[in-house]
Amino acid sequence: MIQFMSSSGISDAGKEPAAVDQGASIEVKLNFAKGEGLLPAIVQDGQSGEVLMLAYINEEAWRKTLETGKAHYWSRSRNKLWLKGESSGHVQLIREILVDCDEDTVVYRIEQVGGAACHTGHRSCFYRRVAEDGFQEKDDLVFDPREVYGK
């Protein structure tokens, strides 16, 4: 259920992922043994290339991502499978997946629904830069996390 980019490199941004033939299965093996079952997933905006977040995947998250075309991760803090956007509605639609040479890191090139990837309400989890006096916020909030998560 994943929509890969066309050979021209242009995706159908704004559309739901196209369903893969039900009889088809994507057989891509990653080396989960290296990371004790967890591998890093770097998440980029599929159009701009902006890095939005870093998360971890296990085999179940990998399989669910391939099956649904929506990014699934393993939450280390909650110790459970996590569909990105399950609480906020800000899901990540997979447009392309890159795998490194050792098959132990992936890059998800995505379409970020709702405009924000970070639970803090920022577009990117990398919304701060290091300055002489500490962290300096470089981006404005896209949403108020208290309103979205009720916390």
C-alpha atoms as a PDB file:
ATOM      1  CA  MET A   1       0.000   0.000   0.000  1.00  0.00           C
ATOM      2  CA  ILE A   2       2.958   2.270  -0.559  1.00  0.00           C
ATOM      3  CA  GLN A   3       3.143   4.902  -3.260  1.00  0.00           C
ATOM      4  CA  PHE A   4       6.655   5.180  -4.599  1.00  0.00           C
ATOM      5  CA  MET A   5       7.867   8.178  -6.542  1.00  0.00           C
ATOM      6  CA  SER A   6       7.699   7.957 -10.295  1.00  0.00           C
ATOM      7  CA  SER A   7      10.859   7.483 -12.321  1.00  0.00           C
ATOM      8  CA  SER A   8      10.816  11.228 -13.005  1.00  0.00           C
ATOM      9  CA  GLY A   9      11.165  11.824  -9.246  1.00  0.00           C
ATOM     10  CA  ILE A  10       7.789  13.515  -8.971  1.00  0.00           C
ATOM     11  CA  SER A  11       5.217  12.152  -6.538  1.00  0.00           C
ATOM     12  CA  ASP A  12       1.498  12.743  -6.405  1.00  0.00           C
ATOM     13  CA  ALA A  13       1.761  15.007  -3.344  1.00  0.00           C
ATOM     14  CA  GLY A  14      -1.541  15.684  -1.676  1.00  0.00           C
ATOM     15  CA  LYS A  15      -3.034  12.328  -2.609  1.00  0.00           C
ATOM     16  CA  GLU A  16      -3.440   9.248  -0.461  1.00  0.00           C
ATOM     17  CA  PRO A  17      -0.915   6.487  -1.196  1.00  0.00           C
ATOM     18  CA  ALA A  18      -2.012   4.267  -4.051  1.00  0.00           C
ATOM     19  CA  ALA A  19      -2.875   0.715  -3.065  1.00  0.00           C
ATOM     20  CA  VAL A  20      -0.532  -2.026  -4.164  1.00  0.00           C
ATOM     21  CA  ASP A  21      -2.141  -5.068  -5.783  1.00  0.00           C
ATOM     22  CA  GLN A  22      -3.442  -7.241  -2.926  1.00  0.00           C
ATOM     23  CA  GLY A  23      -1.509 -10.237  -4.263  1.00  0.00           C
ATOM     24  CA  ALA A  24       1.740  -8.269  -4.344  1.00  0.00           C
ATOM     25  CA  SER A  25       4.076  -8.071  -1.399  1.00  0.00           C
ATOM     26  CA  ILE A  26       7.103  -5.891  -0.905  1.00  0.00           C
ATOM     27  CA  GLU A  27      10.042  -8.016   0.179  1.00  0.00           C
ATOM     28  CA  VAL A  28      12.766  -5.749   1.473  1.00  0.00           C
ATOM     29  CA  LYS A  29      14.824  -7.082   4.351  1.00  0.00           C
ATOM     30  CA  LEU A  30      16.578  -4.736   6.743  1.00  0.00           C
ATOM     31  CA  ASN A  31      19.326  -5.709   9.181  1.00  0.00           C
ATOM     32  CA  PHE A  32      17.425  -5.403  12.478  1.00  0.00           C
ATOM     33  CA  ALA A  33      20.031  -7.540  14.286  1.00  0.00           C
ATOM     34  CA  LYS A  34      22.548  -4.688  14.223  1.00  0.00           C
ATOM     35  CA  GLY A  35      20.486  -2.308  16.299  1.00  0.00           C
ATOM     36  CA  GLU A  36      19.166  -4.862  18.788  1.00  0.00           C
ATOM     37  CA  GLY A  37      15.881  -4.821  16.879  1.00  0.00           C
ATOM     38  CA  LEU A  38      15.634  -1.045  16.380  1.00  0.00           C
ATOM     39  CA  LEU A  39      16.885   0.929  13.415  1.00  0.00           C
ATOM     40  CA  PRO A  40      16.961   4.710  12.942  1.00  0.00           C
ATOM     41  CA  ALA A  41      14.516   6.282  10.505  1.00  0.00           C
ATOM     42  CA  ILE A  42      15.415   9.751   9.295  1.00  0.00           C
ATOM     43  CA  VAL A  43      12.301  11.589   8.152  1.00  0.00           C
ATOM     44  CA  GLN A  44      12.483  14.217   5.415  1.00  0.00           C
ATOM     45  CA  ASP A  45       9.906  16.355   3.667  1.00  0.00           C
ATOM     46  CA  GLY A  46       9.483  14.654   0.296  1.00  0.00           C
ATOM     47  CA  GLN A  47       9.553  17.921  -1.638  1.00  0.00           C
ATOM     48  CA  SER A  48      11.960  20.242   0.191  1.00  0.00           C
ATOM     49  CA  GLY A  49      14.289  17.636   1.714  1.00  0.00           C
ATOM     50  CA  GLU A  50      13.998  19.333   5.133  1.00  0.00           C
ATOM     51  CA  VAL A  51      14.788  16.922   7.977  1.00  0.00           C
ATOM     52  CA  LEU A  52      11.662  16.734  10.118  1.00  0.00           C
ATOM     53  CA  MET A  53      12.513  14.122  12.729  1.00  0.00           C
ATOM     54  CA  LEU A  54      14.435  11.011  13.669  1.00  0.00           C
ATOM     55  CA  ALA A  55      12.622   7.999  15.060  1.00  0.00           C
ATOM     56  CA  TYR A  56      13.176   4.264  15.392  1.00  0.00           C
ATOM     57  CA  ILE A  57      11.557   1.327  13.659  1.00  0.00           C
ATOM     58  CA  ASN A  58      11.358  -2.333  14.535  1.00  0.00           C
ATOM     59  CA  GLU A  59      10.261  -5.110  12.168  1.00  0.00           C
ATOM     60  CA  GLU A  60       6.583  -4.608  12.997  1.00  0.00           C
ATOM     61  CA  ALA A  61       6.754  -0.846  12.353  1.00  0.00           C
ATOM     62  CA  TRP A  62       8.599  -1.505   9.080  1.00  0.00           C
ATOM     63  CA  ARG A  63       5.961  -4.015   7.955  1.00  0.00           C
ATOM     64  CA  LYS A  64       3.048  -1.714   8.898  1.00  0.00           C
ATOM     65  CA  THR A  65       4.673   1.199   7.066  1.00  0.00           C
ATOM     66  CA  LEU A  66       5.028  -0.886   3.905  1.00  0.00           C
ATOM     67  CA  GLU A  67       1.480  -2.258   4.217  1.00  0.00           C
ATOM     68  CA  THR A  68      -0.281   1.075   4.838  1.00  0.00           C
ATOM     69  CA  GLY A  69       1.899   3.726   3.197  1.00  0.00           C
ATOM     70  CA  LYS A  70       1.796   5.647   6.487  1.00  0.00           C
ATOM     71  CA  ALA A  71       4.818   5.996   8.772  1.00  0.00           C
ATOM     72  CA  HIS A  72       4.818   3.696  11.799  1.00  0.00           C
ATOM     73  CA  TYR A  73       7.551   3.756  14.441  1.00  0.00           C
ATOM     74  CA  TRP A  74       8.542   2.055  17.667  1.00  0.00           C
ATOM     75  CA  SER A  75       8.154   4.388  20.625  1.00  0.00           C
ATOM     76  CA  ARG A  76      11.072   3.792  22.974  1.00  0.00           C
ATOM     77  CA  SER A  77       9.481   5.886  25.734  1.00  0.00           C
ATOM     78  CA  ARG A  78       6.093   4.127  25.558  1.00  0.00           C
ATOM     79  CA  ASN A  79       7.544   0.767  24.475  1.00  0.00           C
ATOM     80  CA  LYS A  80       4.909   0.257  21.790  1.00  0.00           C
ATOM     81  CA  LEU A  81       4.137   0.533  18.091  1.00  0.00           C
ATOM     82  CA  TRP A  82       3.139   4.046  17.077  1.00  0.00           C
ATOM     83  CA  LEU A  83       1.391   5.356  13.979  1.00  0.00           C
ATOM     84  CA  LYS A  84       2.708   8.881  13.523  1.00  0.00           C
ATOM     85  CA  GLY A  85      -0.261  11.206  13.875  1.00  0.00           C
ATOM     86  CA  GLU A  86      -2.546   8.734  15.666  1.00  0.00           C
ATOM     87  CA  SER A  87      -3.327  11.386  18.316  1.00  0.00           C
ATOM     88  CA  SER A  88      -2.843  14.631  16.385  1.00  0.00           C
ATOM     89  CA  GLY A  89      -4.043  13.587  12.936  1.00  0.00           C
ATOM     90  CA  HIS A  90      -0.707  14.783  11.526  1.00  0.00           C
ATOM     91  CA  VAL A  91       0.123  11.538   9.729  1.00  0.00           C
ATOM     92  CA  GLN A  92       3.094  11.007   7.453  1.00  0.00           C
ATOM     93  CA  LEU A  93       2.380   9.624   3.998  1.00  0.00           C
ATOM     94  CA  ILE A  94       5.355   7.745   2.599  1.00  0.00           C
ATOM     95  CA  ARG A  95       6.481   8.990  -0.817  1.00  0.00           C
ATOM     96  CA  GLU A  96       9.875   7.274  -1.038  1.00  0.00           C
ATOM     97  CA  ILE A  97      12.071   5.111   1.169  1.00  0.00           C
ATOM     98  CA  LEU A  98      15.854   5.104   0.960  1.00  0.00           C
ATOM     99  CA  VAL A  99      17.950   2.371   2.597  1.00  0.00           C
ATOM    100  CA  ASP A 100      21.625   2.786   3.447  1.00  0.00           C
ATOM    101  CA  CYS A 101      24.420   0.482   2.254  1.00  0.00           C
ATOM    102  CA  ASP A 102      24.422  -1.581   5.480  1.00  0.00           C
ATOM    103  CA  GLU A 103      20.633  -1.986   5.438  1.00  0.00           C
ATOM    104  CA  ASP A 104      20.422  -0.650   9.012  1.00  0.00           C
ATOM    105  CA  THR A 105      19.123   2.901   8.503  1.00  0.00           C
ATOM    106  CA  VAL A 106      16.244   4.247   6.428  1.00  0.00           C
ATOM    107  CA  VAL A 107      15.209   7.645   5.160  1.00  0.00           C
ATOM    108  CA  TYR A 108      11.485   8.194   4.829  1.00  0.00           C
ATOM    109  CA  ARG A 109      10.692  10.920   2.329  1.00  0.00           C
ATOM    110  CA  ILE A 110       7.163  11.858   3.308  1.00  0.00           C
ATOM    111  CA  GLU A 111       4.254  14.204   2.894  1.00  0.00           C
ATOM    112  CA  GLN A 112       3.517  15.669   6.328  1.00  0.00           C
ATOM    113  CA  VAL A 113      -0.250  16.023   6.754  1.00  0.00           C
ATOM    114  CA  GLY A 114      -1.184  18.956   9.001  1.00  0.00           C
ATOM    115  CA  GLY A 115       2.155  20.700   8.553  1.00  0.00           C
ATOM    116  CA  ALA A 116       3.810  19.625  11.819  1.00  0.00           C
ATOM    117  CA  ALA A 117       5.971  16.584  12.513  1.00  0.00           C
ATOM    118  CA  CYS A 118       6.936  17.487  16.081  1.00  0.00           C
ATOM    119  CA  HIS A 119       4.745  16.816  19.131  1.00  0.00           C
ATOM    120  CA  THR A 120       5.793  20.279  20.411  1.00  0.00           C
ATOM    121  CA  GLY A 121       3.749  21.839  17.605  1.00  0.00           C
ATOM    122  CA  HIS A 122       6.707  22.760  15.395  1.00  0.00           C
ATOM    123  CA  ARG A 123       7.058  21.721  11.757  1.00  0.00           C
ATOM    124  CA  SER A 124      10.326  19.911  12.505  1.00  0.00           C
ATOM    125  CA  CYS A 125      11.700  18.355  15.672  1.00  0.00           C
ATOM    126  CA  PHE A 126      14.855  20.291  14.815  1.00  0.00           C
ATOM    127  CA  TYR A 127      13.325  23.713  15.548  1.00  0.00           C
ATOM    128  CA  ARG A 128      16.205  24.917  17.768  1.00  0.00           C
ATOM    129  CA  ARG A 129      19.738  25.953  16.937  1.00  0.00           C
ATOM    130  CA  VAL A 130      22.717  26.211  19.251  1.00  0.00           C
ATOM    131  CA  ALA A 131      23.587  29.835  20.052  1.00  0.00           C
ATOM    132  CA  GLU A 132      26.172  31.401  22.347  1.00  0.00           C
ATOM    133  CA  ASP A 133      23.637  31.654  25.175  1.00  0.00           C
ATOM    134  CA  GLY A 134      22.050  28.218  24.681  1.00  0.00           C
ATOM    135  CA  PHE A 135      19.220  27.076  22.433  1.00  0.00           C
ATOM    136  CA  GLN A 136      17.496  29.546  20.145  1.00  0.00           C
ATOM    137  CA  GLU A 137      14.142  28.682  18.565  1.00  0.00           C
ATOM    138  CA  LYS A 138      14.255  29.214  14.814  1.00  0.00           C
ATOM    139  CA  ASP A 139      10.701  28.187  13.867  1.00  0.00           C
ATOM    140  CA  ASP A 140       7.202  29.233  14.920  1.00  0.00           C
ATOM    141  CA  LEU A 141       4.557  26.843  16.203  1.00  0.00           C
ATOM    142  CA  VAL A 142       2.234  25.245  13.650  1.00  0.00           C
ATOM    143  CA  PHE A 143      -0.233  24.165  16.367  1.00  0.00           C
ATOM    144  CA  ASP A 144      -0.674  24.460  20.128  1.00  0.00           C
ATOM    145  CA  PRO A 145       0.128  21.035  21.610  1.00  0.00           C
ATOM    146  CA  ARG A 146      -2.121  21.712  24.655  1.00  0.00           C
ATOM    147  CA  GLU A 147      -5.115  22.025  22.338  1.00  0.00           C
ATOM    148  CA  VAL A 148      -4.220  18.970  20.255  1.00  0.00           C
ATOM    149  CA  TYR A 149      -3.119  16.599  23.029  1.00  0.00           C
ATOM    150  CA  GLY A 150      -5.079  18.101  25.932  1.00  0.00           C
ATOM    151  CA  LYS A 151      -1.978  18.329  28.129  1.00  0.00           C
END
